[in-house]
N, C-alpha and C. Protein backbone atom coordinates (compact mmCIF):
# COMPACT_ATOMS: atom_id res chain seq x y z
N MET A 1 0.83 -1.16 -0.04
CA MET A 1 0.03 -0.07 0.04
C MET A 1 0.84 1.13 0.04
N PRO A 2 0.63 2.28 -0.91
CA PRO A 2 1.40 3.41 -0.84
C PRO A 2 1.37 4.21 0.54
N ALA A 3 2.33 5.00 0.72
CA ALA A 3 2.43 5.67 1.96
C ALA A 3 1.40 6.82 2.05
N ASN A 4 1.00 7.37 0.90
CA ASN A 4 0.09 8.40 1.07
C ASN A 4 -1.34 7.94 1.36
N GLY A 5 -1.59 6.61 1.28
CA GLY A 5 -2.82 6.13 1.66
C GLY A 5 -2.98 5.74 3.09
N LEU A 6 -1.96 5.80 3.79
CA LEU A 6 -1.97 5.24 5.30
C LEU A 6 -2.81 6.21 6.16
N ASN A 7 -2.69 7.52 6.01
CA ASN A 7 -3.55 8.41 6.85
C ASN A 7 -4.69 8.99 6.23
N ARG A 8 -5.17 8.38 5.25
CA ARG A 8 -6.30 8.89 4.36
C ARG A 8 -7.60 8.82 5.26
N ARG A 9 -8.43 9.98 5.21
CA ARG A 9 -9.62 9.94 5.93
C ARG A 9 -10.73 9.98 4.93
N THR A 10 -11.82 9.40 5.18
CA THR A 10 -12.84 9.41 4.26
C THR A 10 -13.73 10.49 4.54
N ARG A 11 -14.54 10.73 3.61
CA ARG A 11 -15.48 11.98 3.67
C ARG A 11 -16.45 11.71 4.95
N THR A 12 -16.84 10.34 4.99
CA THR A 12 -17.83 10.03 6.19
C THR A 12 -17.16 10.44 7.49
N ALA A 13 -15.95 10.01 7.59
CA ALA A 13 -15.18 10.36 8.94
C ALA A 13 -15.21 11.80 9.08
N ARG A 14 -14.86 12.73 8.23
CA ARG A 14 -14.85 14.10 8.35
C ARG A 14 -16.08 14.62 8.81
N VAL A 15 -17.23 14.14 8.11
CA VAL A 15 -18.59 14.61 8.54
C VAL A 15 -18.93 14.34 9.91
N ALA A 16 -18.58 13.00 10.27
CA ALA A 16 -18.90 12.47 11.77
C ALA A 16 -18.14 13.25 12.63
N ARG A 17 -16.85 13.59 12.41
CA ARG A 17 -16.08 14.30 13.29
C ARG A 17 -16.64 15.84 13.50
N LYS A 18 -17.09 16.52 12.28
CA LYS A 18 -17.62 17.76 12.49
C LYS A 18 -19.00 17.70 13.28
N LEU A 19 -19.75 16.78 13.07
CA LEU A 19 -20.91 16.66 13.86
C LEU A 19 -20.69 16.45 15.41
N ALA A 20 -19.65 15.59 15.64
CA ALA A 20 -19.19 15.38 17.04
C ALA A 20 -18.82 16.65 17.69
N VAL A 21 -18.01 17.55 16.94
CA VAL A 21 -17.56 18.77 17.50
C VAL A 21 -18.79 19.68 17.64
N ALA A 22 -19.68 19.76 16.76
CA ALA A 22 -20.83 20.67 16.77
C ALA A 22 -21.71 20.15 17.84
N GLY A 23 -21.93 18.85 18.11
CA GLY A 23 -22.65 18.35 19.21
C GLY A 23 -22.06 18.73 20.54
N THR A 24 -20.78 18.49 20.60
CA THR A 24 -20.12 18.87 21.88
C THR A 24 -20.43 20.35 22.31
N GLY A 25 -20.19 21.19 21.24
CA GLY A 25 -20.45 22.61 21.57
C GLY A 25 -21.78 22.86 21.89
N ALA A 26 -22.87 22.25 21.37
CA ALA A 26 -24.20 22.43 21.76
C ALA A 26 -24.38 21.93 23.17
N ALA A 27 -23.86 20.91 23.50
CA ALA A 27 -23.94 20.29 24.92
C ALA A 27 -23.29 21.14 25.79
N VAL A 28 -22.13 21.76 25.53
CA VAL A 28 -21.51 22.79 26.38
C VAL A 28 -22.35 24.00 26.71
N LEU A 29 -22.83 24.46 25.56
CA LEU A 29 -23.78 25.54 25.76
C LEU A 29 -25.12 25.26 26.55
N ALA A 30 -25.58 24.01 26.45
CA ALA A 30 -26.80 23.57 27.10
C ALA A 30 -26.61 23.42 28.70
N LEU A 31 -25.42 23.14 29.02
CA LEU A 31 -25.14 22.64 30.44
C LEU A 31 -25.53 23.60 31.39
N PRO A 32 -25.24 24.96 31.29
CA PRO A 32 -25.57 25.94 32.28
C PRO A 32 -27.11 26.01 32.39
N LEU A 33 -27.79 25.83 31.14
CA LEU A 33 -29.23 25.98 31.24
C LEU A 33 -29.83 24.86 31.89
N ILE A 34 -29.33 23.58 31.68
CA ILE A 34 -29.79 22.37 32.40
C ILE A 34 -29.64 22.58 33.87
N GLY A 35 -28.38 22.92 34.26
CA GLY A 35 -28.08 23.13 35.76
C GLY A 35 -28.90 24.06 36.39
N ALA A 36 -29.20 25.20 35.70
CA ALA A 36 -30.00 26.23 36.31
C ALA A 36 -31.50 25.84 36.57
N GLY A 37 -31.97 24.94 35.81
CA GLY A 37 -33.29 24.40 35.97
C GLY A 37 -33.53 23.28 36.91
N SER A 38 -32.44 22.72 37.42
CA SER A 38 -32.53 21.54 38.24
C SER A 38 -32.82 21.88 39.69
N ALA A 39 -33.21 21.01 40.51
CA ALA A 39 -33.46 21.17 41.94
C ALA A 39 -32.33 21.76 42.60
N SER A 40 -31.02 21.68 42.25
CA SER A 40 -30.03 22.17 43.10
C SER A 40 -29.71 23.48 42.63
N ALA A 41 -30.41 24.13 41.78
CA ALA A 41 -30.14 25.59 41.42
C ALA A 41 -30.31 26.44 42.75
N ALA A 42 -29.64 27.55 42.54
CA ALA A 42 -29.75 28.65 43.68
C ALA A 42 -31.09 29.13 43.73
N THR A 43 -31.48 29.77 44.89
CA THR A 43 -32.74 30.42 45.06
C THR A 43 -32.81 31.59 44.10
N PRO A 44 -33.95 31.95 43.85
CA PRO A 44 -34.24 33.25 42.97
C PRO A 44 -33.39 34.37 43.47
N ALA A 45 -33.43 34.68 44.82
CA ALA A 45 -32.93 35.74 45.38
C ALA A 45 -31.34 35.78 45.11
N ALA A 46 -30.78 34.58 45.09
CA ALA A 46 -29.29 34.51 44.83
C ALA A 46 -28.86 34.36 43.46
N ALA A 47 -29.88 34.08 42.53
CA ALA A 47 -29.59 33.96 41.26
C ALA A 47 -29.04 35.25 40.52
N THR A 48 -28.13 35.07 39.60
CA THR A 48 -27.65 36.24 38.83
C THR A 48 -28.01 36.14 37.28
N THR A 49 -28.59 37.14 36.77
CA THR A 49 -28.97 37.08 35.36
C THR A 49 -27.91 37.72 34.61
N VAL A 50 -27.58 36.94 33.56
CA VAL A 50 -26.57 37.44 32.52
C VAL A 50 -27.19 37.79 31.34
N THR A 51 -27.10 38.83 30.78
CA THR A 51 -27.69 39.23 29.49
C THR A 51 -26.55 39.55 28.60
N THR A 52 -26.61 38.89 27.40
CA THR A 52 -25.56 39.12 26.30
C THR A 52 -26.32 39.93 25.15
N ALA A 53 -25.73 40.97 24.84
CA ALA A 53 -26.28 41.89 23.63
C ALA A 53 -25.53 41.37 22.45
N VAL A 54 -26.14 41.10 21.38
CA VAL A 54 -25.64 40.69 20.07
C VAL A 54 -25.83 41.78 19.27
N THR A 55 -24.83 42.54 18.63
CA THR A 55 -25.06 43.53 17.81
C THR A 55 -24.57 43.18 16.37
N ALA A 56 -25.47 43.27 15.44
CA ALA A 56 -25.16 42.85 14.02
C ALA A 56 -24.50 44.09 13.50
N THR A 57 -23.32 43.84 13.00
CA THR A 57 -22.57 45.04 12.30
C THR A 57 -22.28 44.43 10.91
N THR A 58 -22.10 45.34 10.10
CA THR A 58 -21.72 45.04 8.76
C THR A 58 -20.33 45.55 8.40
N ALA A 59 -19.44 44.57 7.95
CA ALA A 59 -18.10 45.18 7.62
C ALA A 59 -18.16 45.64 6.22
N TYR A 60 -17.59 46.90 6.08
CA TYR A 60 -17.48 47.47 4.76
C TYR A 60 -16.15 47.64 4.16
N PRO A 61 -15.75 47.28 2.99
CA PRO A 61 -14.40 47.36 2.53
C PRO A 61 -14.00 48.93 2.54
N ASN A 62 -12.78 49.18 2.80
CA ASN A 62 -12.35 50.53 2.80
C ASN A 62 -11.95 50.97 1.43
N ASN A 63 -12.90 51.05 0.53
CA ASN A 63 -12.72 51.45 -0.81
C ASN A 63 -13.91 52.14 -1.24
N LEU A 64 -14.05 52.53 -2.50
CA LEU A 64 -15.12 53.41 -2.95
C LEU A 64 -16.47 52.65 -2.80
N ASP A 65 -16.43 51.39 -3.19
CA ASP A 65 -17.63 50.54 -3.14
C ASP A 65 -18.19 50.51 -1.71
N GLY A 66 -17.26 50.30 -0.81
CA GLY A 66 -17.61 50.09 0.71
C GLY A 66 -18.20 51.44 1.19
N TRP A 67 -17.43 52.41 0.92
CA TRP A 67 -17.88 53.95 1.44
C TRP A 67 -19.23 54.15 0.85
N ILE A 68 -19.63 53.91 -0.41
CA ILE A 68 -20.96 54.04 -1.00
C ILE A 68 -21.95 53.23 -0.20
N ARG A 69 -21.72 51.92 -0.09
CA ARG A 69 -22.58 51.12 0.57
C ARG A 69 -22.89 51.42 2.01
N GLU A 70 -21.84 51.84 2.71
CA GLU A 70 -22.09 52.24 4.05
C GLU A 70 -22.93 53.59 4.17
N SER A 71 -22.60 54.46 3.24
CA SER A 71 -23.36 55.77 3.15
C SER A 71 -24.89 55.40 2.89
N LEU A 72 -25.10 54.49 1.94
CA LEU A 72 -26.57 54.08 1.54
C LEU A 72 -27.29 53.49 2.71
N ASP A 73 -26.51 52.70 3.66
CA ASP A 73 -27.11 52.21 4.80
C ASP A 73 -27.52 53.20 5.89
N ILE A 74 -26.55 54.19 5.99
CA ILE A 74 -26.81 55.35 6.93
C ILE A 74 -28.00 56.27 6.40
N MET A 75 -27.97 56.46 5.04
CA MET A 75 -28.95 57.19 4.42
C MET A 75 -30.33 56.63 4.55
N ALA A 76 -30.42 55.38 4.52
CA ALA A 76 -31.66 54.57 4.71
C ALA A 76 -32.16 54.83 6.08
N ARG A 77 -31.35 54.74 7.03
CA ARG A 77 -31.84 54.96 8.44
C ARG A 77 -32.28 56.33 8.79
N HIS A 78 -31.79 57.28 7.84
CA HIS A 78 -32.18 58.69 8.21
C HIS A 78 -33.17 59.17 7.05
N GLY A 79 -33.64 58.29 6.14
CA GLY A 79 -34.70 58.64 5.25
C GLY A 79 -34.25 59.51 4.12
N ILE A 80 -32.96 59.45 3.76
CA ILE A 80 -32.33 60.26 2.82
C ILE A 80 -32.27 59.38 1.45
N PRO A 81 -33.00 59.92 0.45
CA PRO A 81 -32.99 59.11 -0.82
C PRO A 81 -31.68 59.10 -1.55
N GLY A 82 -31.45 57.99 -2.50
CA GLY A 82 -30.35 58.06 -3.22
C GLY A 82 -30.04 56.54 -3.74
N SER A 83 -29.24 56.56 -4.85
CA SER A 83 -28.97 55.11 -5.37
C SER A 83 -27.38 55.08 -5.43
N TYR A 84 -26.94 53.86 -5.51
CA TYR A 84 -25.64 53.68 -5.64
C TYR A 84 -25.07 54.19 -6.96
N ASP A 85 -25.82 53.96 -8.06
CA ASP A 85 -25.44 54.34 -9.44
C ASP A 85 -25.26 56.02 -9.45
N ALA A 86 -26.20 56.64 -8.85
CA ALA A 86 -26.19 58.09 -8.83
C ALA A 86 -25.11 58.61 -8.01
N ILE A 87 -24.79 58.07 -6.84
CA ILE A 87 -23.62 58.41 -5.99
C ILE A 87 -22.32 58.18 -6.72
N HIS A 88 -22.23 56.93 -7.32
CA HIS A 88 -20.91 56.71 -8.07
C HIS A 88 -20.77 57.61 -9.26
N ARG A 89 -21.72 57.83 -9.99
CA ARG A 89 -21.73 58.78 -11.07
C ARG A 89 -21.15 60.22 -10.76
N ASN A 90 -21.79 60.66 -9.66
CA ASN A 90 -21.31 61.96 -9.28
C ASN A 90 -19.94 62.04 -8.53
N ILE A 91 -19.56 60.93 -7.92
CA ILE A 91 -18.32 60.97 -7.37
C ILE A 91 -17.28 60.88 -8.45
N MET A 92 -17.53 60.04 -9.43
CA MET A 92 -16.41 60.09 -10.52
C MET A 92 -16.38 61.37 -11.19
N ARG A 93 -17.41 62.13 -11.49
CA ARG A 93 -17.41 63.45 -11.95
C ARG A 93 -16.67 64.44 -11.13
N GLU A 94 -16.91 64.46 -9.76
CA GLU A 94 -16.49 65.35 -8.89
C GLU A 94 -15.01 65.14 -8.48
N SER A 95 -14.58 63.96 -8.24
CA SER A 95 -13.21 63.76 -7.58
C SER A 95 -12.57 62.57 -8.24
N SER A 96 -13.08 61.93 -9.23
CA SER A 96 -12.54 60.72 -9.72
C SER A 96 -12.33 59.54 -8.62
N GLY A 97 -13.04 59.59 -7.57
CA GLY A 97 -12.87 58.69 -6.48
C GLY A 97 -11.85 58.92 -5.43
N ASN A 98 -11.29 60.10 -5.33
CA ASN A 98 -10.19 60.47 -4.59
C ASN A 98 -10.74 61.20 -3.38
N PRO A 99 -10.84 60.55 -2.09
CA PRO A 99 -11.49 61.13 -0.93
C PRO A 99 -10.77 62.32 -0.51
N LEU A 100 -9.44 62.62 -0.90
CA LEU A 100 -8.71 63.71 -0.43
C LEU A 100 -8.67 64.83 -1.53
N ALA A 101 -9.49 64.71 -2.45
CA ALA A 101 -9.51 65.77 -3.54
C ALA A 101 -10.03 67.26 -2.95
N ILE A 102 -9.46 68.21 -3.49
CA ILE A 102 -9.64 69.41 -3.06
C ILE A 102 -9.57 70.40 -4.23
N ASN A 103 -10.64 71.30 -4.39
CA ASN A 103 -10.69 72.15 -5.51
C ASN A 103 -10.20 73.55 -5.03
N ASN A 104 -8.92 74.01 -5.43
CA ASN A 104 -8.34 75.25 -4.93
C ASN A 104 -8.48 76.38 -6.20
N TRP A 105 -9.29 76.18 -7.19
CA TRP A 105 -9.22 77.06 -8.26
C TRP A 105 -10.66 77.76 -8.39
N ASP A 106 -11.76 77.20 -7.95
CA ASP A 106 -13.01 77.78 -8.36
C ASP A 106 -13.46 78.99 -7.53
N SER A 107 -14.66 79.50 -7.66
CA SER A 107 -15.15 80.67 -6.87
C SER A 107 -15.18 80.44 -5.47
N ASN A 108 -15.60 79.16 -5.10
CA ASN A 108 -15.58 78.90 -3.67
C ASN A 108 -14.09 78.97 -3.00
N ALA A 109 -13.19 78.52 -3.74
CA ALA A 109 -11.82 78.41 -3.32
C ALA A 109 -11.34 79.93 -3.20
N ALA A 110 -11.82 80.71 -4.17
CA ALA A 110 -11.37 82.18 -4.07
C ALA A 110 -11.94 82.89 -2.94
N MET A 111 -13.06 82.42 -2.49
CA MET A 111 -13.58 82.95 -1.10
C MET A 111 -13.05 82.26 0.05
N GLY A 112 -12.15 81.35 -0.15
CA GLY A 112 -11.59 80.80 1.00
C GLY A 112 -12.36 79.38 1.61
N ILE A 113 -13.18 79.04 0.83
CA ILE A 113 -13.82 77.66 1.25
C ILE A 113 -13.82 76.74 0.13
N PRO A 114 -12.75 76.06 -0.21
CA PRO A 114 -12.56 75.22 -1.20
C PRO A 114 -13.49 74.01 -1.10
N SER A 115 -13.96 73.35 -2.23
CA SER A 115 -14.71 72.07 -2.10
C SER A 115 -13.80 70.91 -1.82
N LYS A 116 -14.24 69.99 -1.07
CA LYS A 116 -13.47 68.96 -0.52
C LYS A 116 -14.13 67.57 -0.64
N GLY A 117 -13.29 66.59 -0.71
CA GLY A 117 -13.62 65.03 -0.64
C GLY A 117 -14.23 64.57 -1.86
N LEU A 118 -14.95 63.40 -1.70
CA LEU A 118 -15.42 62.63 -2.88
C LEU A 118 -16.38 63.46 -3.67
N LEU A 119 -17.40 64.10 -3.02
CA LEU A 119 -18.50 64.81 -3.78
C LEU A 119 -18.23 66.39 -3.65
N GLN A 120 -16.97 66.78 -3.42
CA GLN A 120 -16.59 68.24 -3.46
C GLN A 120 -17.61 69.22 -2.68
N VAL A 121 -17.72 68.92 -1.39
CA VAL A 121 -18.63 69.66 -0.50
C VAL A 121 -17.78 70.88 0.18
N ILE A 122 -18.35 72.02 0.26
CA ILE A 122 -17.63 73.13 1.00
C ILE A 122 -17.99 72.95 2.37
N ASP A 123 -17.21 73.45 3.36
CA ASP A 123 -17.31 73.26 4.75
C ASP A 123 -18.66 73.73 5.33
N PRO A 124 -19.16 74.91 4.92
CA PRO A 124 -20.51 75.26 5.55
C PRO A 124 -21.65 74.33 5.13
N THR A 125 -21.52 73.89 3.85
CA THR A 125 -22.55 72.86 3.41
C THR A 125 -22.43 71.53 4.22
N PHE A 126 -21.07 71.20 4.29
CA PHE A 126 -20.90 69.88 5.07
C PHE A 126 -21.47 70.01 6.38
N ARG A 127 -21.22 71.11 7.20
CA ARG A 127 -21.75 71.25 8.51
C ARG A 127 -23.24 71.36 8.61
N ALA A 128 -23.82 72.01 7.61
CA ALA A 128 -25.27 72.25 7.47
C ALA A 128 -26.02 70.91 7.31
N TYR A 129 -25.38 69.93 6.47
CA TYR A 129 -26.05 68.75 6.17
C TYR A 129 -25.37 67.58 6.66
N HIS A 130 -24.62 67.64 7.75
CA HIS A 130 -23.87 66.59 8.33
C HIS A 130 -24.90 65.64 8.88
N VAL A 131 -24.73 64.42 8.72
CA VAL A 131 -25.57 63.37 9.30
C VAL A 131 -24.96 62.78 10.55
N PRO A 132 -25.85 62.70 11.64
CA PRO A 132 -25.34 62.14 12.92
C PRO A 132 -25.04 60.71 12.61
N GLY A 133 -23.91 60.22 13.27
CA GLY A 133 -23.42 58.85 13.13
C GLY A 133 -22.15 58.71 12.03
N THR A 134 -21.76 59.89 11.54
CA THR A 134 -20.75 59.91 10.73
C THR A 134 -19.69 60.95 11.24
N ALA A 135 -18.56 60.86 10.71
CA ALA A 135 -17.45 61.73 11.22
C ALA A 135 -17.70 63.11 10.88
N MET A 136 -17.21 64.01 11.64
CA MET A 136 -17.33 65.53 11.46
C MET A 136 -16.10 65.87 10.71
N ASP A 137 -15.90 65.23 9.56
CA ASP A 137 -14.73 65.49 8.79
C ASP A 137 -15.09 65.50 7.28
N PRO A 138 -14.98 66.52 6.54
CA PRO A 138 -15.39 66.48 5.20
C PRO A 138 -14.52 65.55 4.23
N TYR A 139 -13.43 65.25 4.69
CA TYR A 139 -12.44 64.27 4.02
C TYR A 139 -12.85 62.78 4.34
N ASP A 140 -13.62 62.61 5.39
CA ASP A 140 -14.08 61.18 5.61
C ASP A 140 -15.04 60.81 4.56
N PRO A 141 -14.66 59.73 3.91
CA PRO A 141 -15.42 59.41 2.58
C PRO A 141 -16.96 59.19 2.93
N VAL A 142 -17.29 58.44 3.97
CA VAL A 142 -18.71 58.09 4.36
C VAL A 142 -19.33 59.43 4.81
N ALA A 143 -18.68 60.28 5.57
CA ALA A 143 -19.34 61.46 6.05
C ALA A 143 -19.60 62.39 4.90
N ASN A 144 -18.76 62.53 3.90
CA ASN A 144 -18.86 63.35 2.71
C ASN A 144 -19.87 62.96 1.81
N ILE A 145 -20.00 61.64 1.51
CA ILE A 145 -21.07 61.08 0.68
C ILE A 145 -22.36 61.42 1.45
N THR A 146 -22.55 61.03 2.73
CA THR A 146 -23.76 61.17 3.32
C THR A 146 -24.22 62.58 3.40
N ALA A 147 -23.44 63.53 3.79
CA ALA A 147 -23.73 64.89 3.83
C ALA A 147 -24.20 65.49 2.47
N ALA A 148 -23.36 65.06 1.40
CA ALA A 148 -23.65 65.59 0.09
C ALA A 148 -25.03 65.03 -0.41
N CYS A 149 -25.25 63.77 -0.12
CA CYS A 149 -26.56 63.22 -0.54
C CYS A 149 -27.79 63.89 0.15
N ASN A 150 -27.49 64.22 1.46
CA ASN A 150 -28.48 64.90 2.33
C ASN A 150 -28.74 66.27 1.77
N TYR A 151 -27.70 67.02 1.24
CA TYR A 151 -27.84 68.33 0.62
C TYR A 151 -28.54 68.06 -0.67
N ALA A 152 -28.13 67.23 -1.57
CA ALA A 152 -28.88 66.99 -2.78
C ALA A 152 -30.21 66.63 -2.57
N ALA A 153 -30.67 65.77 -1.52
CA ALA A 153 -32.05 65.43 -1.38
C ALA A 153 -32.80 66.73 -0.93
N ASP A 154 -32.33 67.70 -0.03
CA ASP A 154 -32.89 68.92 0.21
C ASP A 154 -33.06 69.85 -0.99
N ARG A 155 -32.05 69.81 -1.73
CA ARG A 155 -32.05 70.98 -2.90
C ARG A 155 -32.62 70.26 -4.26
N TYR A 156 -32.49 69.12 -4.55
CA TYR A 156 -32.90 68.49 -5.73
C TYR A 156 -33.90 67.28 -5.61
N GLY A 157 -34.18 66.92 -4.44
CA GLY A 157 -35.04 65.78 -4.24
C GLY A 157 -34.26 64.46 -4.11
N SER A 158 -33.06 64.36 -4.53
CA SER A 158 -32.22 63.17 -4.55
C SER A 158 -30.94 63.41 -5.25
N ILE A 159 -29.82 62.75 -4.80
CA ILE A 159 -28.71 62.64 -5.57
C ILE A 159 -29.04 62.22 -6.93
N ASP A 160 -29.94 61.25 -7.01
CA ASP A 160 -30.34 60.75 -8.40
C ASP A 160 -30.70 61.78 -9.50
N ASN A 161 -31.03 62.99 -8.93
CA ASN A 161 -31.37 64.08 -9.79
C ASN A 161 -30.34 64.97 -10.22
N VAL A 162 -29.11 64.66 -9.79
CA VAL A 162 -28.00 65.46 -10.06
C VAL A 162 -27.10 64.95 -11.04
N PHE A 163 -26.97 65.71 -12.10
CA PHE A 163 -26.20 65.24 -13.44
C PHE A 163 -25.14 66.25 -13.79
N GLY A 164 -24.83 67.18 -12.95
CA GLY A 164 -23.68 68.07 -13.22
C GLY A 164 -23.29 68.69 -11.83
N PRO A 165 -22.44 69.63 -11.78
CA PRO A 165 -22.00 70.32 -10.67
C PRO A 165 -23.15 70.88 -9.94
N TYR A 166 -23.09 70.73 -8.64
CA TYR A 166 -24.30 71.17 -7.82
C TYR A 166 -23.82 72.00 -6.93
């Protein structure tokens, strides 16, 4: 018999092992529950209640796709309309996807308030349309997108209605 066949495991053995491990985990989890319900459990006055909060969080990639998706989730919670395609279209026109973009040449810049970030928002507009739960930084991609979409919703009904500089 060849050497590589000596330690060969069958698919059935792998499945049985996984079931045994899963079954053991379930039994360990059930043990405190079983013990608490038995006659030897502590009296209610001495019993301690443990509450575990499970928070569902979504991990977003640290890239343009992730920033847009995270912004859309925040926007949904705040009732701000907008679509992925419209946000992406406007970002590509305004900053080519560079969250550190700054416009130092237009009329806003001449007045000392250059447009910043992915959607080229000036500081007063960013502050006025900032959405709670995002960073107070116009260069933060999620904060910039969300504030700009909030502004576009107020001014144009939605970022979906913006097809040029706004």
